[in-house]
């Protein structure tokens, strides 16, 4: 007899770090089994979750369905997934393993007023058991670390808004934080920081600036610097990079 499919939202939960990965599926049990299998094989698409799994071991992970939604459309599941990821901030490395905000897209996805209303309704509703809420929300609590001031400085720096310009000097996109920028380009926050501080000239072929300290003169300087470097490389090697 075939097992009954459970459509809804599931969670991969680390009991040691109190961090979670939230996802959606029309067959949650099968999807959770796939997550478990690829983690054991060391091939999970989330490198952060994989490293945590390798470090803490399978015995410290739980795989379970947190919301059972029968007869829900794919769109409704997308909304639910995104709302929970936003609610518990599992897209932030401090609290979870999600690489983006889920819901048919990544960070920066724009929503209609109707979709925003639906997500808001989900966030206000009591859709998790108290046990599940407690498990995930535990990631926001804990003993103050000894390096608290250093950690706060790190967090404040990473919350700064980032401007991304093309080497031609056109604004490409703006991010609310360094981590958002890193996730968008599928890279690491440290690479973004190094570029912002001038250790790297470009990041993924773009110029990066802190929004709060941005100036046109700095943009012109970096454009000139990168252009000069490209011309020099072309003359020497016959290519721009």
Protein backbone atom coordinates (compact mmCIF):
# COMPACT_ATOMS: atom_id res chain seq x y z
CA UNK A 1 0.00 0.00 0.00
CA UNK A 2 1.43 3.36 -1.05
CA UNK A 3 2.21 5.86 1.67
CA UNK A 4 -0.10 8.87 1.85
CA UNK A 5 1.44 12.02 0.45
CA UNK A 6 1.63 14.99 2.79
CA UNK A 7 1.56 18.35 1.04
CA UNK A 8 2.83 21.25 3.10
CA UNK A 9 5.85 22.83 4.76
CA UNK A 10 8.71 20.81 6.25
CA UNK A 11 11.75 21.52 8.38
CA UNK A 12 15.30 20.22 8.76
CA UNK A 13 16.19 21.18 12.32
CA UNK A 14 19.61 21.20 14.03
CA UNK A 15 19.11 20.46 17.73
CA UNK A 16 22.62 21.64 18.61
CA UNK A 17 22.65 25.05 16.94
CA UNK A 18 18.85 25.62 16.96
CA UNK A 19 19.02 26.50 13.27
CA UNK A 20 16.50 25.34 10.69
CA UNK A 21 15.98 24.86 6.98
CA UNK A 22 12.38 25.42 5.85
CA UNK A 23 10.96 24.12 2.58
CA UNK A 24 7.75 23.23 0.78
CA UNK A 25 6.64 20.15 -1.13
CA UNK A 26 3.58 18.34 -2.42
CA UNK A 27 5.17 15.23 -0.90
CA UNK A 28 6.98 16.32 2.26
CA UNK A 29 7.99 12.86 3.45
CA UNK A 30 9.65 12.08 0.13
CA UNK A 31 11.36 15.50 0.05
CA UNK A 32 12.66 15.08 3.60
CA UNK A 33 14.00 11.65 2.67
CA UNK A 34 15.81 13.25 -0.29
CA UNK A 35 17.32 15.92 1.98
CA UNK A 36 18.52 13.23 4.38
CA UNK A 37 20.02 11.16 1.56
CA UNK A 38 21.96 13.99 -0.08
CA UNK A 39 23.21 15.22 3.30
CA UNK A 40 24.51 11.75 4.12
CA UNK A 41 26.11 11.62 0.66
CA UNK A 42 27.68 15.06 1.25
CA UNK A 43 26.01 16.59 -1.81
CA UNK A 44 23.38 18.97 -0.43
CA UNK A 45 22.81 22.15 -2.48
CA UNK A 46 23.16 24.28 0.66
CA UNK A 47 26.86 24.22 1.47
CA UNK A 48 26.15 25.86 4.84
CA UNK A 49 23.66 23.17 5.86
CA UNK A 50 26.01 20.46 4.59
CA UNK A 51 28.93 21.76 6.65
CA UNK A 52 26.73 21.93 9.74
CA UNK A 53 25.46 18.40 9.13
CA UNK A 54 29.00 17.09 8.70
CA UNK A 55 30.09 18.79 11.91
CA UNK A 56 27.17 17.94 14.21
CA UNK A 57 26.20 14.56 12.75
CA UNK A 58 22.86 13.11 11.71
CA UNK A 59 21.97 12.26 15.31
CA UNK A 60 21.58 15.99 16.02
CA UNK A 61 19.19 16.65 13.14
CA UNK A 62 15.44 16.23 12.94
CA UNK A 63 13.45 15.96 9.71
CA UNK A 64 9.73 16.61 10.05
CA UNK A 65 6.59 18.17 8.59
CA UNK A 66 5.56 21.35 10.39
CA UNK A 67 2.39 22.20 8.44
CA UNK A 68 0.12 19.72 6.66
CA UNK A 69 -1.82 21.44 3.88
CA UNK A 70 -4.18 19.29 1.89
CA UNK A 71 -5.69 20.54 -1.36
CA UNK A 72 -3.51 23.63 -1.45
CA UNK A 73 -2.28 25.08 -4.74
CA UNK A 74 1.41 25.47 -5.54
CA UNK A 75 1.02 29.23 -5.20
CA UNK A 76 -0.43 28.91 -1.71
CA UNK A 77 2.47 26.66 -0.69
CA UNK A 78 4.92 29.23 -2.05
CA UNK A 79 3.32 31.93 0.08
CA UNK A 80 3.39 29.75 3.19
CA UNK A 81 7.02 28.82 2.70
CA UNK A 82 8.11 32.43 2.19
CA UNK A 83 6.08 33.65 5.16
CA UNK A 84 7.69 31.13 7.52
CA UNK A 85 11.20 31.80 6.26
CA UNK A 86 10.59 35.51 6.85
CA UNK A 87 8.94 34.93 10.23
CA UNK A 88 11.80 32.87 11.65
CA UNK A 89 14.54 34.57 9.60
CA UNK A 90 16.00 31.23 8.52
CA UNK A 91 17.46 32.97 5.46
CA UNK A 92 19.94 34.60 7.86
CA UNK A 93 22.98 32.52 8.72
CA UNK A 94 22.54 33.34 12.41
CA UNK A 95 19.19 31.55 12.49
CA UNK A 96 18.99 29.08 9.63
CA UNK A 97 20.18 27.46 6.43
CA UNK A 98 17.87 28.83 3.72
CA UNK A 99 19.92 30.44 0.95
CA UNK A 100 17.08 32.75 -0.09
CA UNK A 101 13.53 33.73 0.85
CA UNK A 102 11.93 30.84 -1.02
CA UNK A 103 8.57 31.31 -2.68
CA UNK A 104 9.23 31.10 -6.44
CA UNK A 105 12.35 33.22 -6.33
CA UNK A 106 15.18 34.71 -4.37
CA UNK A 107 15.97 37.85 -2.44
CA UNK A 108 14.67 41.00 -4.04
CA UNK A 109 11.52 39.34 -5.43
CA UNK A 110 8.74 41.91 -5.76
CA UNK A 111 5.18 41.06 -4.74
CA UNK A 112 1.77 42.46 -5.61
CA UNK A 113 -0.37 44.00 -2.89
CA UNK A 114 -2.49 40.83 -2.94
CA UNK A 115 0.48 38.52 -2.40
CA UNK A 116 1.76 40.76 0.41
CA UNK A 117 -1.67 40.56 2.05
CA UNK A 118 -1.66 36.76 1.84
CA UNK A 119 1.81 36.53 3.37
CA UNK A 120 0.78 38.93 6.13
CA UNK A 121 -2.25 36.76 6.91
CA UNK A 122 -0.05 33.70 7.10
CA UNK A 123 2.36 35.43 9.47
CA UNK A 124 -0.46 36.52 11.77
CA UNK A 125 -2.14 33.10 11.85
CA UNK A 126 -1.37 30.36 14.35
CA UNK A 127 -0.03 27.87 11.81
CA UNK A 128 2.67 26.16 13.86
CA UNK A 129 2.32 24.09 16.98
CA UNK A 130 3.83 25.69 20.07
CA UNK A 131 6.50 22.97 20.12
CA UNK A 132 7.60 23.73 16.56
CA UNK A 133 7.52 27.46 17.16
CA UNK A 134 9.68 27.03 20.23
CA UNK A 135 12.20 24.85 18.43
CA UNK A 136 12.83 27.34 15.66
CA UNK A 137 12.54 30.49 17.76
CA UNK A 138 15.18 29.09 20.15
CA UNK A 139 17.70 30.18 17.54
CA UNK A 140 17.02 33.80 18.56
CA UNK A 141 17.83 33.16 22.21
CA UNK A 142 20.81 32.05 24.24
CA UNK A 143 23.62 33.11 26.51
CA UNK A 144 25.43 36.30 25.56
CA UNK A 145 28.73 35.25 23.96
CA UNK A 146 32.04 36.43 25.37
CA UNK A 147 32.82 38.17 22.08
CA UNK A 148 29.45 39.97 22.07
CA UNK A 149 30.87 43.40 21.14
CA UNK A 150 32.87 41.94 18.26
CA UNK A 151 29.79 40.05 17.08
CA UNK A 152 27.65 43.19 17.26
CA UNK A 153 30.23 45.13 15.25
CA UNK A 154 30.26 42.34 12.66
CA UNK A 155 26.47 42.32 12.44
CA UNK A 156 26.26 46.10 12.18
CA UNK A 157 28.78 46.08 9.35
CA UNK A 158 26.90 43.35 7.50
CA UNK A 159 23.61 45.24 7.84
CA UNK A 160 24.94 48.15 5.80
CA UNK A 161 23.27 48.75 2.45
CA UNK A 162 25.30 47.91 -0.65
CA UNK A 163 25.20 49.53 -4.09
CA UNK A 164 26.24 47.46 -7.11
CA UNK A 165 27.43 49.35 -10.20
CA UNK A 166 28.53 48.14 -13.60
CA UNK A 167 32.05 49.06 -14.67
CA UNK A 168 30.40 51.52 -17.06
CA UNK A 169 29.11 53.41 -14.04
CA UNK A 170 25.44 52.42 -14.12
CA UNK A 171 23.58 51.39 -10.98
CA UNK A 172 22.73 47.70 -11.32
CA UNK A 173 21.03 46.84 -8.03
CA UNK A 174 20.85 47.83 -4.36
CA UNK A 175 20.86 45.46 -1.37
CA UNK A 176 19.76 46.00 2.22
CA UNK A 177 22.76 44.08 3.56
CA UNK A 178 26.06 42.47 2.67
CA UNK A 179 24.58 39.01 3.20
CA UNK A 180 21.75 39.74 0.77
CA UNK A 181 24.31 40.78 -1.84
CA UNK A 182 26.37 37.63 -1.29
CA UNK A 183 23.31 35.36 -1.58
CA UNK A 184 22.13 37.06 -4.77
CA UNK A 185 25.46 36.35 -6.47
CA UNK A 186 25.77 32.91 -4.86
CA UNK A 187 28.97 33.93 -3.10
CA UNK A 188 30.29 34.56 0.42
CA UNK A 189 29.88 37.72 2.50
CA UNK A 190 33.64 37.86 3.05
CA UNK A 191 34.19 38.36 -0.69
CA UNK A 192 31.71 41.24 -0.69
CA UNK A 193 33.43 42.85 2.31
CA UNK A 194 36.88 42.52 0.74
CA UNK A 195 35.64 44.29 -2.39
CA UNK A 196 33.93 47.03 -0.40
CA UNK A 197 37.17 47.63 1.52
CA UNK A 198 39.26 47.75 -1.65
CA UNK A 199 41.11 44.45 -1.28
CA UNK A 200 39.39 43.28 -4.48
CA UNK A 201 38.83 45.70 -7.35
CA UNK A 202 35.59 44.11 -8.56
CA UNK A 203 33.07 41.53 -7.40
CA UNK A 204 31.62 39.24 -10.07
CA UNK A 205 32.56 41.92 -12.60
CA UNK A 206 30.80 44.72 -10.69
CA UNK A 207 31.84 47.67 -8.53
CA UNK A 208 30.60 47.67 -4.94
CA UNK A 209 29.98 50.60 -2.57
CA UNK A 210 28.58 51.18 0.88
CA UNK A 211 25.45 53.25 0.27
CA UNK A 212 25.99 55.48 3.32
CA UNK A 213 29.43 56.61 2.17
CA UNK A 214 28.90 56.50 -1.61
CA UNK A 215 30.11 59.42 -3.71
CA UNK A 216 30.28 60.11 -7.44
CA UNK A 217 34.00 60.85 -7.14
CA UNK A 218 34.63 57.39 -5.65
CA UNK A 219 32.63 55.83 -8.49
CA UNK A 220 34.66 57.69 -11.10
CA UNK A 221 37.92 56.71 -9.39
CA UNK A 222 37.02 53.00 -9.30
CA UNK A 223 35.78 53.09 -12.90
CA UNK A 224 39.05 54.63 -14.02
CA UNK A 225 41.11 52.18 -11.97
CA UNK A 226 39.33 49.12 -13.32
CA UNK A 227 39.34 50.40 -16.92
CA UNK A 228 43.08 51.12 -16.77
CA UNK A 229 43.70 47.64 -15.37
CA UNK A 230 41.60 46.02 -18.14
CA UNK A 231 43.43 47.90 -20.90
CA UNK A 232 46.79 46.97 -19.39
CA UNK A 233 45.85 43.28 -19.23
CA UNK A 234 44.55 43.33 -22.78
CA UNK A 235 47.79 44.81 -24.08
CA UNK A 236 49.84 42.24 -22.18
CA UNK A 237 47.74 39.08 -22.54
CA UNK A 238 45.26 39.83 -25.30
CA UNK A 239 42.29 39.55 -22.92
CA UNK A 240 40.58 41.70 -20.32
CA UNK A 241 40.72 39.35 -17.32
